[in-house]
Amino acid sequence: MMYRFLIVIEKANGNFSAYSPDLPGCVATGKTREQVTRNMYEAIEMHVRGLVEDKLPVPKSHSFAEYVAVPPTRGAFQSGKAGPNPYEASPRQGVKFGRDRRGGAGSSF
């Protein structure tokens, strides 16, 4: 039987690290992205083999990954710093909600 697991690779200080959200505690590191991918393959292989040998269930993979692209905020590239987040209310701005379905007053924060 073939198992398939998502791995997340992160750049760390001078190396790479990886983990699988579906296999808690199964981690690996490597000097390059290719090396950490190989090491993670071996770690998952050993992890699954241990579960099977111990007659424990192998978790089903439920994780997936998506990239989300958002445009830079105004002025982000001019100053070299990220601009204000347009989705956050400033301390002077309150976000107000209208009346709820029951006719009661809305709330604000």
Foldseek 3Di string as FASTA:
>chain_A
DDADFDKDWDDDVQWIKIDTPQQPPQIAIGNDPVVRVVVSVVSVVVVVVVCVVVVHDRTHYDDDDDDDDDDFDPPCPVVVHGDDDPVDDDPVDKDWDQADPVRHGTDID
